[in-house]
Amino acid sequence: MDEKVVVDIAVEGDIAVVAFGATSISDVKGIAAASDQIQKFVDENHPQRIVFDFDRVKFFSSQVLGLLLEARAKLRQEDGDVVISGLNPQLHRIFKITNLDKIFRFFPEKESAIRTIGTK
């Protein structure tokens, strides 16, 4: 049974923090709904920077990579930035295998990501 994909979006200045509430993100419909929620937020709020916080996540399907790439493409149109925080080593390997570690910046936790990209 798949867990519900819970996305919490908070704003700190011009930085949006998207935190995933589930330990496993694999439900196709849930990921699509989360993607829609994030896209709607971006369209309505126009954040310059987004931190995707994976602190609670232990597993995700490859569809999550698509969600991240969509958000990155949307923000890049406005010279924005997307970074990732709290990713465990096993999940970080997925980014290395797919060479996505070359296009995203990674931070050990949300606070360091906010501090660093907030000074951009």
PDB file of N, CA and C in Angstrom:
ATOM      1  N   MET A   1       0.834  -1.177   0.000  1.00  0.00           N
ATOM      2  CA  MET A   1       0.000   0.000   0.000  1.00  0.00           C
ATOM      3  C   MET A   1       0.880   1.243   0.000  1.00  0.00           C
ATOM      4  N   ASP A   2       0.629   2.160  -0.912  1.00  0.00           N
ATOM      5  CA  ASP A   2       1.410   3.381  -1.003  1.00  0.00           C
ATOM      6  C   ASP A   2       0.950   4.388   0.036  1.00  0.00           C
ATOM      7  N   GLU A   3       1.934   5.134   0.561  1.00  0.00           N
ATOM      8  CA  GLU A   3       1.599   6.210   1.474  1.00  0.00           C
ATOM      9  C   GLU A   3       1.127   7.411   0.668  1.00  0.00           C
ATOM     10  N   LYS A   4       0.285   8.216   1.278  1.00  0.00           N
ATOM     11  CA  LYS A   4      -0.162   9.439   0.640  1.00  0.00           C
ATOM     12  C   LYS A   4       1.030  10.396   0.519  1.00  0.00           C
ATOM     13  N   VAL A   5       1.135  11.066  -0.615  1.00  0.00           N
ATOM     14  CA  VAL A   5       2.216  12.017  -0.830  1.00  0.00           C
ATOM     15  C   VAL A   5       1.776  13.350  -0.227  1.00  0.00           C
ATOM     16  N   VAL A   6       2.429  13.721   0.863  1.00  0.00           N
ATOM     17  CA  VAL A   6       2.106  14.959   1.558  1.00  0.00           C
ATOM     18  C   VAL A   6       3.203  15.980   1.268  1.00  0.00           C
ATOM     19  N   VAL A   7       2.776  17.152   0.796  1.00  0.00           N
ATOM     20  CA  VAL A   7       3.712  18.225   0.498  1.00  0.00           C
ATOM     21  C   VAL A   7       3.326  19.436   1.323  1.00  0.00           C
ATOM     22  N   ASP A   8       4.293  19.937   2.085  1.00  0.00           N
ATOM     23  CA  ASP A   8       4.072  21.145   2.868  1.00  0.00           C
ATOM     24  C   ASP A   8       4.935  22.242   2.253  1.00  0.00           C
ATOM     25  N   ILE A   9       4.298  23.344   1.843  1.00  0.00           N
ATOM     26  CA  ILE A   9       5.028  24.448   1.226  1.00  0.00           C
ATOM     27  C   ILE A   9       5.002  25.637   2.177  1.00  0.00           C
ATOM     28  N   ALA A  10       6.193  26.081   2.578  1.00  0.00           N
ATOM     29  CA  ALA A  10       6.328  27.244   3.449  1.00  0.00           C
ATOM     30  C   ALA A  10       7.180  28.280   2.724  1.00  0.00           C
ATOM     31  N   VAL A  11       7.000  29.542   3.085  1.00  0.00           N
ATOM     32  CA  VAL A  11       7.760  30.612   2.446  1.00  0.00           C
ATOM     33  C   VAL A  11       8.594  31.334   3.498  1.00  0.00           C
ATOM     34  N   GLU A  12       9.876  31.485   3.179  1.00  0.00           N
ATOM     35  CA  GLU A  12      10.785  32.236   4.033  1.00  0.00           C
ATOM     36  C   GLU A  12      11.445  33.286   3.148  1.00  0.00           C
ATOM     37  N   GLY A  13      10.958  34.521   3.227  1.00  0.00           N
ATOM     38  CA  GLY A  13      11.440  35.578   2.338  1.00  0.00           C
ATOM     39  C   GLY A  13      11.017  35.276   0.916  1.00  0.00           C
ATOM     40  N   ASP A  14      11.987  35.235   0.002  1.00  0.00           N
ATOM     41  CA  ASP A  14      11.660  34.866  -1.386  1.00  0.00           C
ATOM     42  C   ASP A  14      12.021  33.413  -1.675  1.00  0.00           C
ATOM     43  N   ILE A  15      12.189  32.630  -0.607  1.00  0.00           N
ATOM     44  CA  ILE A  15      12.530  31.210  -0.735  1.00  0.00           C
ATOM     45  C   ILE A  15      11.333  30.364  -0.323  1.00  0.00           C
ATOM     46  N   ALA A  16      10.929  29.466  -1.198  1.00  0.00           N
ATOM     47  CA  ALA A  16       9.878  28.500  -0.870  1.00  0.00           C
ATOM     48  C   ALA A  16      10.546  27.203  -0.429  1.00  0.00           C
ATOM     49  N   VAL A  17      10.028  26.613   0.631  1.00  0.00           N
ATOM     50  CA  VAL A  17      10.533  25.331   1.111  1.00  0.00           C
ATOM     51  C   VAL A  17       9.436  24.300   0.918  1.00  0.00           C
ATOM     52  N   VAL A  18       9.735  23.310   0.090  1.00  0.00           N
ATOM     53  CA  VAL A  18       8.791  22.228  -0.176  1.00  0.00           C
ATOM     54  C   VAL A  18       9.296  21.003   0.582  1.00  0.00           C
ATOM     55  N   ALA A  19       8.555  20.631   1.627  1.00  0.00           N
ATOM     56  CA  ALA A  19       8.943  19.487   2.453  1.00  0.00           C
ATOM     57  C   ALA A  19       7.990  18.330   2.196  1.00  0.00           C
ATOM     58  N   PHE A  20       8.564  17.171   1.980  1.00  0.00           N
ATOM     59  CA  PHE A  20       7.769  15.963   1.779  1.00  0.00           C
ATOM     60  C   PHE A  20       7.534  15.322   3.139  1.00  0.00           C
ATOM     61  N   GLY A  21       6.276  14.996   3.443  1.00  0.00           N
ATOM     62  CA  GLY A  21       5.923  14.475   4.749  1.00  0.00           C
ATOM     63  C   GLY A  21       5.976  12.969   4.879  1.00  0.00           C
ATOM     64  N   ALA A  22       6.047  12.247   3.773  1.00  0.00           N
ATOM     65  CA  ALA A  22       6.033  10.782   3.812  1.00  0.00           C
ATOM     66  C   ALA A  22       7.454  10.229   3.722  1.00  0.00           C
ATOM     67  N   THR A  23       7.658   9.048   4.264  1.00  0.00           N
ATOM     68  CA  THR A  23       8.962   8.401   4.156  1.00  0.00           C
ATOM     69  C   THR A  23       9.144   7.730   2.802  1.00  0.00           C
ATOM     70  N   SER A  24       8.025   7.402   2.143  1.00  0.00           N
ATOM     71  CA  SER A  24       8.066   6.765   0.835  1.00  0.00           C
ATOM     72  C   SER A  24       7.191   7.554  -0.135  1.00  0.00           C
ATOM     73  N   ILE A  25       7.779   7.941  -1.260  1.00  0.00           N
ATOM     74  CA  ILE A  25       7.034   8.691  -2.273  1.00  0.00           C
ATOM     75  C   ILE A  25       7.030   7.850  -3.542  1.00  0.00           C
ATOM     76  N   SER A  26       5.954   7.079  -3.702  1.00  0.00           N
ATOM     77  CA  SER A  26       5.911   6.187  -4.858  1.00  0.00           C
ATOM     78  C   SER A  26       4.534   6.097  -5.508  1.00  0.00           C
ATOM     79  N   ASP A  27       3.528   6.676  -4.894  1.00  0.00           N
ATOM     80  CA  ASP A  27       2.180   6.627  -5.441  1.00  0.00           C
ATOM     81  C   ASP A  27       2.085   7.562  -6.650  1.00  0.00           C
ATOM     82  N   VAL A  28       1.833   7.009  -7.825  1.00  0.00           N
ATOM     83  CA  VAL A  28       1.829   7.772  -9.074  1.00  0.00           C
ATOM     84  C   VAL A  28       0.832   8.928  -9.020  1.00  0.00           C
ATOM     85  N   LYS A  29      -0.383   8.645  -8.574  1.00  0.00           N
ATOM     86  CA  LYS A  29      -1.405   9.698  -8.495  1.00  0.00           C
ATOM     87  C   LYS A  29      -1.022  10.747  -7.453  1.00  0.00           C
ATOM     88  N   GLY A  30      -0.454  10.302  -6.353  1.00  0.00           N
ATOM     89  CA  GLY A  30      -0.032  11.227  -5.307  1.00  0.00           C
ATOM     90  C   GLY A  30       1.087  12.143  -5.766  1.00  0.00           C
ATOM     91  N   ILE A  31       2.033  11.597  -6.518  1.00  0.00           N
ATOM     92  CA  ILE A  31       3.132  12.402  -7.036  1.00  0.00           C
ATOM     93  C   ILE A  31       2.603  13.409  -8.053  1.00  0.00           C
ATOM     94  N   ALA A  32       1.676  12.973  -8.889  1.00  0.00           N
ATOM     95  CA  ALA A  32       1.075  13.896  -9.863  1.00  0.00           C
ATOM     96  C   ALA A  32       0.333  15.020  -9.148  1.00  0.00           C
ATOM     97  N   ALA A  33      -0.389  14.692  -8.082  1.00  0.00           N
ATOM     98  CA  ALA A  33      -1.111  15.709  -7.312  1.00  0.00           C
ATOM     99  C   ALA A  33      -0.129  16.672  -6.637  1.00  0.00           C
ATOM    100  N   ALA A  34       0.963  16.140  -6.092  1.00  0.00           N
ATOM    101  CA  ALA A  34       1.982  16.986  -5.475  1.00  0.00           C
ATOM    102  C   ALA A  34       2.611  17.905  -6.515  1.00  0.00           C
ATOM    103  N   SER A  35       2.872  17.368  -7.693  1.00  0.00           N
ATOM    104  CA  SER A  35       3.439  18.168  -8.780  1.00  0.00           C
ATOM    105  C   SER A  35       2.497  19.299  -9.156  1.00  0.00           C
ATOM    106  N   ASP A  36       1.209  18.990  -9.259  1.00  0.00           N
ATOM    107  CA  ASP A  36       0.203  20.018  -9.569  1.00  0.00           C
ATOM    108  C   ASP A  36       0.175  21.090  -8.485  1.00  0.00           C
ATOM    109  N   GLN A  37       0.244  20.664  -7.231  1.00  0.00           N
ATOM    110  CA  GLN A  37       0.231  21.607  -6.106  1.00  0.00           C
ATOM    111  C   GLN A  37       1.453  22.535  -6.174  1.00  0.00           C
ATOM    112  N   ILE A  38       2.607  21.971  -6.459  1.00  0.00           N
ATOM    113  CA  ILE A  38       3.836  22.764  -6.537  1.00  0.00           C
ATOM    114  C   ILE A  38       3.781  23.721  -7.723  1.00  0.00           C
ATOM    115  N   GLN A  39       3.329  23.227  -8.880  1.00  0.00           N
ATOM    116  CA  GLN A  39       3.239  24.087 -10.069  1.00  0.00           C
ATOM    117  C   GLN A  39       2.263  25.238  -9.834  1.00  0.00           C
ATOM    118  N   LYS A  40       1.143  24.947  -9.185  1.00  0.00           N
ATOM    119  CA  LYS A  40       0.163  25.998  -8.884  1.00  0.00           C
ATOM    120  C   LYS A  40       0.782  27.036  -7.955  1.00  0.00           C
ATOM    121  N   PHE A  41       1.503  26.570  -6.940  1.00  0.00           N
ATOM    122  CA  PHE A  41       2.154  27.494  -6.017  1.00  0.00           C
ATOM    123  C   PHE A  41       3.151  28.390  -6.756  1.00  0.00           C
ATOM    124  N   VAL A  42       3.958  27.794  -7.624  1.00  0.00           N
ATOM    125  CA  VAL A  42       4.950  28.560  -8.380  1.00  0.00           C
ATOM    126  C   VAL A  42       4.255  29.578  -9.286  1.00  0.00           C
ATOM    127  N   ASP A  43       3.198  29.163  -9.976  1.00  0.00           N
ATOM    128  CA  ASP A  43       2.469  30.070 -10.865  1.00  0.00           C
ATOM    129  C   ASP A  43       1.857  31.249 -10.113  1.00  0.00           C
ATOM    130  N   GLU A  44       1.360  30.996  -8.913  1.00  0.00           N
ATOM    131  CA  GLU A  44       0.679  32.047  -8.154  1.00  0.00           C
ATOM    132  C   GLU A  44       1.627  32.926  -7.345  1.00  0.00           C
ATOM    133  N   ASN A  45       2.764  32.372  -6.907  1.00  0.00           N
ATOM    134  CA  ASN A  45       3.637  33.092  -5.972  1.00  0.00           C
ATOM    135  C   ASN A  45       4.984  33.526  -6.550  1.00  0.00           C
ATOM    136  N   HIS A  46       5.376  32.949  -7.669  1.00  0.00           N
ATOM    137  CA  HIS A  46       6.617  33.309  -8.360  1.00  0.00           C
ATOM    138  C   HIS A  46       7.847  33.350  -7.444  1.00  0.00           C
ATOM    139  N   PRO A  47       8.104  32.265  -6.703  1.00  0.00           N
ATOM    140  CA  PRO A  47       9.302  32.286  -5.855  1.00  0.00           C
ATOM    141  C   PRO A  47      10.571  32.303  -6.716  1.00  0.00           C
ATOM    142  N   GLN A  48      11.599  32.947  -6.240  1.00  0.00           N
ATOM    143  CA  GLN A  48      12.871  32.972  -6.948  1.00  0.00           C
ATOM    144  C   GLN A  48      13.711  31.734  -6.645  1.00  0.00           C
ATOM    145  N   ARG A  49      13.466  31.132  -5.490  1.00  0.00           N
ATOM    146  CA  ARG A  49      14.245  29.976  -5.071  1.00  0.00           C
ATOM    147  C   ARG A  49      13.330  28.966  -4.374  1.00  0.00           C
ATOM    148  N   ILE A  50      13.614  27.692  -4.622  1.00  0.00           N
ATOM    149  CA  ILE A  50      12.882  26.622  -3.930  1.00  0.00           C
ATOM    150  C   ILE A  50      13.891  25.636  -3.347  1.00  0.00           C
ATOM    151  N   VAL A  51      13.665  25.296  -2.090  1.00  0.00           N
ATOM    152  CA  VAL A  51      14.398  24.223  -1.430  1.00  0.00           C
ATOM    153  C   VAL A  51      13.448  23.040  -1.341  1.00  0.00           C
ATOM    154  N   PHE A  52      13.827  21.915  -1.939  1.00  0.00           N
ATOM    155  CA  PHE A  52      13.068  20.679  -1.782  1.00  0.00           C
ATOM    156  C   PHE A  52      13.718  19.903  -0.647  1.00  0.00           C
ATOM    157  N   ASP A  53      12.978  19.763   0.451  1.00  0.00           N
ATOM    158  CA  ASP A  53      13.509  19.127   1.649  1.00  0.00           C
ATOM    159  C   ASP A  53      13.072  17.664   1.720  1.00  0.00           C
ATOM    160  N   PHE A  54      14.053  16.772   1.633  1.00  0.00           N
ATOM    161  CA  PHE A  54      13.806  15.324   1.647  1.00  0.00           C
ATOM    162  C   PHE A  54      14.193  14.700   2.986  1.00  0.00           C
ATOM    163  N   ASP A  55      14.200  15.482   4.047  1.00  0.00           N
ATOM    164  CA  ASP A  55      14.666  15.017   5.347  1.00  0.00           C
ATOM    165  C   ASP A  55      13.967  13.749   5.824  1.00  0.00           C
ATOM    166  N   ARG A  56      12.673  13.626   5.595  1.00  0.00           N
ATOM    167  CA  ARG A  56      11.902  12.466   6.078  1.00  0.00           C
ATOM    168  C   ARG A  56      11.883  11.307   5.079  1.00  0.00           C
ATOM    169  N   VAL A  57      12.307  11.547   3.853  1.00  0.00           N
ATOM    170  CA  VAL A  57      12.122  10.576   2.773  1.00  0.00           C
ATOM    171  C   VAL A  57      13.223   9.517   2.773  1.00  0.00           C
ATOM    172  N   LYS A  58      12.798   8.276   2.718  1.00  0.00           N
ATOM    173  CA  LYS A  58      13.730   7.137   2.647  1.00  0.00           C
ATOM    174  C   LYS A  58      13.714   6.478   1.267  1.00  0.00           C
ATOM    175  N   PHE A  59      12.611   6.675   0.532  1.00  0.00           N
ATOM    176  CA  PHE A  59      12.469   6.067  -0.795  1.00  0.00           C
ATOM    177  C   PHE A  59      11.600   6.966  -1.659  1.00  0.00           C
ATOM    178  N   PHE A  60      11.964   7.085  -2.947  1.00  0.00           N
ATOM    179  CA  PHE A  60      11.054   7.727  -3.900  1.00  0.00           C
ATOM    180  C   PHE A  60      11.191   7.079  -5.260  1.00  0.00           C
ATOM    181  N   SER A  61      10.116   7.157  -6.029  1.00  0.00           N
ATOM    182  CA  SER A  61      10.138   6.605  -7.380  1.00  0.00           C
ATOM    183  C   SER A  61      10.771   7.620  -8.326  1.00  0.00           C
ATOM    184  N   SER A  62      11.106   7.160  -9.506  1.00  0.00           N
ATOM    185  CA  SER A  62      11.758   8.033 -10.489  1.00  0.00           C
ATOM    186  C   SER A  62      10.862   9.180 -10.933  1.00  0.00           C
ATOM    187  N   GLN A  63       9.558   9.047 -10.720  1.00  0.00           N
ATOM    188  CA  GLN A  63       8.643  10.126 -11.083  1.00  0.00           C
ATOM    189  C   GLN A  63       8.950  11.402 -10.286  1.00  0.00           C
ATOM    190  N   VAL A  64       9.523  11.262  -9.111  1.00  0.00           N
ATOM    191  CA  VAL A  64       9.895  12.425  -8.299  1.00  0.00           C
ATOM    192  C   VAL A  64      10.995  13.223  -9.004  1.00  0.00           C
ATOM    193  N   LEU A  65      11.873  12.536  -9.712  1.00  0.00           N
ATOM    194  CA  LEU A  65      12.906  13.248 -10.474  1.00  0.00           C
ATOM    195  C   LEU A  65      12.267  14.153 -11.524  1.00  0.00           C
ATOM    196  N   GLY A  66      11.215  13.659 -12.156  1.00  0.00           N
ATOM    197  CA  GLY A  66      10.485  14.470 -13.128  1.00  0.00           C
ATOM    198  C   GLY A  66       9.867  15.696 -12.479  1.00  0.00           C
ATOM    199  N   LEU A  67       9.298  15.519 -11.294  1.00  0.00           N
ATOM    200  CA  LEU A  67       8.725  16.637 -10.548  1.00  0.00           C
ATOM    201  C   LEU A  67       9.784  17.702 -10.292  1.00  0.00           C
ATOM    202  N   LEU A  68      10.971  17.283  -9.866  1.00  0.00           N
ATOM    203  CA  LEU A  68      12.060  18.219  -9.590  1.00  0.00           C
ATOM    204  C   LEU A  68      12.527  18.932 -10.859  1.00  0.00           C
ATOM    205  N   LEU A  69      12.631  18.181 -11.936  1.00  0.00           N
ATOM    206  CA  LEU A  69      13.068  18.783 -13.206  1.00  0.00           C
ATOM    207  C   LEU A  69      12.050  19.788 -13.737  1.00  0.00           C
ATOM    208  N   GLU A  70      10.761  19.477 -13.569  1.00  0.00           N
ATOM    209  CA  GLU A  70       9.714  20.419 -13.985  1.00  0.00           C
ATOM    210  C   GLU A  70       9.815  21.723 -13.202  1.00  0.00           C
ATOM    211  N   ALA A  71       9.974  21.606 -11.888  1.00  0.00           N
ATOM    212  CA  ALA A  71      10.086  22.801 -11.046  1.00  0.00           C
ATOM    213  C   ALA A  71      11.325  23.600 -11.418  1.00  0.00           C
ATOM    214  N   ARG A  72      12.428  22.912 -11.662  1.00  0.00           N
ATOM    215  CA  ARG A  72      13.670  23.591 -12.042  1.00  0.00           C
ATOM    216  C   ARG A  72      13.495  24.336 -13.358  1.00  0.00           C
ATOM    217  N   ALA A  73      12.875  23.691 -14.344  1.00  0.00           N
ATOM    218  CA  ALA A  73      12.668  24.317 -15.650  1.00  0.00           C
ATOM    219  C   ALA A  73      11.807  25.569 -15.506  1.00  0.00           C
ATOM    220  N   LYS A  74      10.776  25.484 -14.690  1.00  0.00           N
ATOM    221  CA  LYS A  74       9.877  26.619 -14.484  1.00  0.00           C
ATOM    222  C   LYS A  74      10.621  27.798 -13.840  1.00  0.00           C
ATOM    223  N   LEU A  75      11.414  27.519 -12.821  1.00  0.00           N
ATOM    224  CA  LEU A  75      12.138  28.597 -12.150  1.00  0.00           C
ATOM    225  C   LEU A  75      13.275  29.151 -12.996  1.00  0.00           C
ATOM    226  N   ARG A  76      13.887  28.320 -13.797  1.00  0.00           N
ATOM    227  CA  ARG A  76      14.993  28.782 -14.651  1.00  0.00           C
ATOM    228  C   ARG A  76      14.516  29.803 -15.677  1.00  0.00           C
ATOM    229  N   GLN A  77      13.243  29.742 -16.066  1.00  0.00           N
ATOM    230  CA  GLN A  77      12.685  30.720 -17.001  1.00  0.00           C
ATOM    231  C   GLN A  77      12.764  32.125 -16.427  1.00  0.00           C
ATOM    232  N   GLU A  78      12.724  32.232 -15.101  1.00  0.00           N
ATOM    233  CA  GLU A  78      12.780  33.522 -14.415  1.00  0.00           C
ATOM    234  C   GLU A  78      14.105  33.701 -13.685  1.00  0.00           C
ATOM    235  N   ASP A  79      15.134  32.961 -14.107  1.00  0.00           N
ATOM    236  CA  ASP A  79      16.455  33.003 -13.487  1.00  0.00           C
ATOM    237  C   ASP A  79      16.416  32.593 -12.014  1.00  0.00           C
ATOM    238  N   GLY A  80      15.514  31.661 -11.690  1.00  0.00           N
ATOM    239  CA  GLY A  80      15.396  31.165 -10.332  1.00  0.00           C
ATOM    240  C   GLY A  80      16.283  29.956 -10.092  1.00  0.00           C
ATOM    241  N   ASP A  81      16.192  29.411  -8.895  1.00  0.00           N
ATOM    242  CA  ASP A  81      17.081  28.325  -8.497  1.00  0.00           C
ATOM    243  C   ASP A  81      16.304  27.288  -7.691  1.00  0.00           C
ATOM    244  N   VAL A  82      16.638  26.017  -7.893  1.00  0.00           N
ATOM    245  CA  VAL A  82      16.063  24.915  -7.132  1.00  0.00           C
ATOM    246  C   VAL A  82      17.216  24.134  -6.519  1.00  0.00           C
ATOM    247  N   VAL A  83      17.147  23.910  -5.207  1.00  0.00           N
ATOM    248  CA  VAL A  83      18.164  23.126  -4.517  1.00  0.00           C
ATOM    249  C   VAL A  83      17.473  22.028  -3.709  1.00  0.00           C
ATOM    250  N   ILE A  84      18.270  21.067  -3.254  1.00  0.00           N
ATOM    251  CA  ILE A  84      17.743  19.911  -2.541  1.00  0.00           C
ATOM    252  C   ILE A  84      18.450  19.794  -1.198  1.00  0.00           C
ATOM    253  N   SER A  85      17.671  19.517  -0.157  1.00  0.00           N
ATOM    254  CA  SER A  85      18.267  19.350   1.173  1.00  0.00           C
ATOM    255  C   SER A  85      17.787  18.052   1.815  1.00  0.00           C
ATOM    256  N   GLY A  86      18.586  17.598   2.787  1.00  0.00           N
ATOM    257  CA  GLY A  86      18.197  16.466   3.612  1.00  0.00           C
ATOM    258  C   GLY A  86      18.123  15.127   2.909  1.00  0.00           C
ATOM    259  N   LEU A  87      18.827  14.984   1.809  1.00  0.00           N
ATOM    260  CA  LEU A  87      18.771  13.744   1.027  1.00  0.00           C
ATOM    261  C   LEU A  87      19.698  12.694   1.637  1.00  0.00           C
ATOM    262  N   ASN A  88      19.169  11.507   1.896  1.00  0.00           N
ATOM    263  CA  ASN A  88      20.031  10.470   2.466  1.00  0.00           C
ATOM    264  C   ASN A  88      20.976   9.921   1.390  1.00  0.00           C
ATOM    265  N   PRO A  89      22.083   9.300   1.795  1.00  0.00           N
ATOM    266  CA  PRO A  89      23.095   8.842   0.828  1.00  0.00           C
ATOM    267  C   PRO A  89      22.577   7.884  -0.240  1.00  0.00           C
ATOM    268  N   GLN A  90      21.635   7.007   0.124  1.00  0.00           N
ATOM    269  CA  GLN A  90      21.106   6.065  -0.860  1.00  0.00           C
ATOM    270  C   GLN A  90      20.337   6.803  -1.954  1.00  0.00           C
ATOM    271  N   LEU A  91      19.566   7.802  -1.580  1.00  0.00           N
ATOM    272  CA  LEU A  91      18.820   8.566  -2.577  1.00  0.00           C
ATOM    273  C   LEU A  91      19.744   9.479  -3.372  1.00  0.00           C
ATOM    274  N   HIS A  92      20.789   9.961  -2.734  1.00  0.00           N
ATOM    275  CA  HIS A  92      21.754  10.809  -3.455  1.00  0.00           C
ATOM    276  C   HIS A  92      22.419  10.019  -4.582  1.00  0.00           C
ATOM    277  N   ARG A  93      22.591   8.719  -4.381  1.00  0.00           N
ATOM    278  CA  ARG A  93      23.169   7.864  -5.424  1.00  0.00           C
ATOM    279  C   ARG A  93      22.335   7.893  -6.699  1.00  0.00           C
ATOM    280  N   ILE A  94      21.014   7.994  -6.560  1.00  0.00           N
ATOM    281  CA  ILE A  94      20.135   8.059  -7.732  1.00  0.00           C
ATOM    282  C   ILE A  94      20.472   9.291  -8.570  1.00  0.00           C
ATOM    283  N   PHE A  95      20.734  10.398  -7.909  1.00  0.00           N
ATOM    284  CA  PHE A  95      21.095  11.618  -8.627  1.00  0.00           C
ATOM    285  C   PHE A  95      22.454  11.450  -9.328  1.00  0.00           C
ATOM    286  N   LYS A  96      23.379  10.767  -8.678  1.00  0.00           N
ATOM    287  CA  LYS A  96      24.687  10.528  -9.300  1.00  0.00           C
ATOM    288  C   LYS A  96      24.560   9.603 -10.506  1.00  0.00           C
ATOM    289  N   ILE A  97      23.796   8.528 -10.368  1.00  0.00           N
ATOM    290  CA  ILE A  97      23.623   7.558 -11.453  1.00  0.00           C
ATOM    291  C   ILE A  97      22.990   8.207 -12.675  1.00  0.00           C
ATOM    292  N   THR A  98      22.048   9.108 -12.451  1.00  0.00           N
ATOM    293  CA  THR A  98      21.345   9.769 -13.550  1.00  0.00           C
ATOM    294  C   THR A  98      22.017  11.068 -14.003  1.00  0.00           C
ATOM    295  N   ASN A  99      23.154  11.383 -13.395  1.00  0.00           N
ATOM    296  CA  ASN A  99      23.894  12.622 -13.656  1.00  0.00           C
ATOM    297  C   ASN A  99      23.130  13.892 -13.279  1.00  0.00           C
ATOM    298  N   LEU A 100      22.072  13.752 -12.530  1.00  0.00           N
ATOM    299  CA  LEU A 100      21.328  14.924 -12.072  1.00  0.00           C
ATOM    300  C   LEU A 100      22.058  15.643 -10.936  1.00  0.00           C
ATOM    301  N   ASP A 101      23.088  14.998 -10.398  1.00  0.00           N
ATOM    302  CA  ASP A 101      23.897  15.677  -9.384  1.00  0.00           C
ATOM    303  C   ASP A 101      24.692  16.837  -9.988  1.00  0.00           C
ATOM    304  N   LYS A 102      24.726  16.888 -11.316  1.00  0.00           N
ATOM    305  CA  LYS A 102      25.444  17.969 -12.006  1.00  0.00           C
ATOM    306  C   LYS A 102      24.571  19.223 -12.169  1.00  0.00           C
ATOM    307  N   ILE A 103      23.247  19.071 -12.052  1.00  0.00           N
ATOM    308  CA  ILE A 103      22.383  20.236 -12.267  1.00  0.00           C
ATOM    309  C   ILE A 103      21.690  20.731 -10.998  1.00  0.00           C
ATOM    310  N   PHE A 104      21.706  19.937  -9.940  1.00  0.00           N
ATOM    311  CA  PHE A 104      21.132  20.370  -8.669  1.00  0.00           C
ATOM    312  C   PHE A 104      22.249  20.568  -7.656  1.00  0.00           C
ATOM    313  N   ARG A 105      22.023  21.499  -6.735  1.00  0.00           N
ATOM    314  CA  ARG A 105      22.932  21.657  -5.596  1.00  0.00           C
ATOM    315  C   ARG A 105      22.271  20.996  -4.396  1.00  0.00           C
ATOM    316  N   PHE A 106      23.108  20.405  -3.547  1.00  0.00           N
ATOM    317  CA  PHE A 106      22.622  19.627  -2.409  1.00  0.00           C
ATOM    318  C   PHE A 106      23.163  20.203  -1.105  1.00  0.00           C
ATOM    319  N   PHE A 107      22.322  20.168  -0.079  1.00  0.00           N
ATOM    320  CA  PHE A 107      22.688  20.665   1.233  1.00  0.00           C
ATOM    321  C   PHE A 107      22.278  19.632   2.273  1.00  0.00           C
ATOM    322  N   PRO A 108      23.056  19.517   3.357  1.00  0.00           N
ATOM    323  CA  PRO A 108      22.754  18.480   4.345  1.00  0.00           C
ATOM    324  C   PRO A 108      21.412  18.677   5.049  1.00  0.00           C
ATOM    325  N   GLU A 109      21.014  19.938   5.253  1.00  0.00           N
ATOM    326  CA  GLU A 109      19.719  20.194   5.867  1.00  0.00           C
ATOM    327  C   GLU A 109      19.141  21.494   5.332  1.00  0.00           C
ATOM    328  N   LYS A 110      17.854  21.656   5.567  1.00  0.00           N
ATOM    329  CA  LYS A 110      17.093  22.791   5.049  1.00  0.00           C
ATOM    330  C   LYS A 110      17.705  24.137   5.462  1.00  0.00           C
ATOM    331  N   GLU A 111      18.131  24.252   6.694  1.00  0.00           N
ATOM    332  CA  GLU A 111      18.645  25.529   7.197  1.00  0.00           C
ATOM    333  C   GLU A 111      19.881  26.001   6.434  1.00  0.00           C
ATOM    334  N   SER A 112      20.789  25.091   6.149  1.00  0.00           N
ATOM    335  CA  SER A 112      21.999  25.491   5.408  1.00  0.00           C
ATOM    336  C   SER A 112      21.648  25.851   3.969  1.00  0.00           C
ATOM    337  N   ALA A 113      20.667  25.177   3.403  1.00  0.00           N
ATOM    338  CA  ALA A 113      20.224  25.512   2.039  1.00  0.00           C
ATOM    339  C   ALA A 113      19.642  26.922   2.011  1.00  0.00           C
ATOM    340  N   ILE A 114      18.796  27.233   2.972  1.00  0.00           N
ATOM    341  CA  ILE A 114      18.169  28.560   3.028  1.00  0.00           C
ATOM    342  C   ILE A 114      19.227  29.635   3.232  1.00  0.00           C
ATOM    343  N   ARG A 115      20.156  29.390   4.136  1.00  0.00           N
ATOM    344  CA  ARG A 115      21.235  30.372   4.390  1.00  0.00           C
ATOM    345  C   ARG A 115      22.045  30.630   3.126  1.00  0.00           C
ATOM    346  N   THR A 116      22.405  29.577   2.427  1.00  0.00           N
ATOM    347  CA  THR A 116      23.276  29.712   1.263  1.00  0.00           C
ATOM    348  C   THR A 116      22.559  30.360   0.083  1.00  0.00           C
ATOM    349  N   ILE A 117      21.381  29.888  -0.259  1.00  0.00           N
ATOM    350  CA  ILE A 117      20.715  30.455  -1.439  1.00  0.00           C
ATOM    351  C   ILE A 117      20.058  31.788  -1.120  1.00  0.00           C
ATOM    352  N   GLY A 118      19.875  32.080   0.155  1.00  0.00           N
ATOM    353  CA  GLY A 118      19.315  33.369   0.539  1.00  0.00           C
ATOM    354  C   GLY A 118      20.291  34.512   0.329  1.00  0.00           C
ATOM    355  N   THR A 119      21.564  34.177   0.155  1.00  0.00           N
ATOM    356  CA  THR A 119      22.591  35.210  -0.063  1.00  0.00           C
ATOM    357  C   THR A 119      22.932  35.365  -1.530  1.00  0.00           C
ATOM    358  N   LYS A 120      22.233  34.637  -2.381  1.00  0.00           N
ATOM    359  CA  LYS A 120      22.511  34.685  -3.837  1.00  0.00           C
ATOM    360  C   LYS A 120      22.121  36.014  -4.433  1.00  0.00           C
TER     361      LYS A 120
END
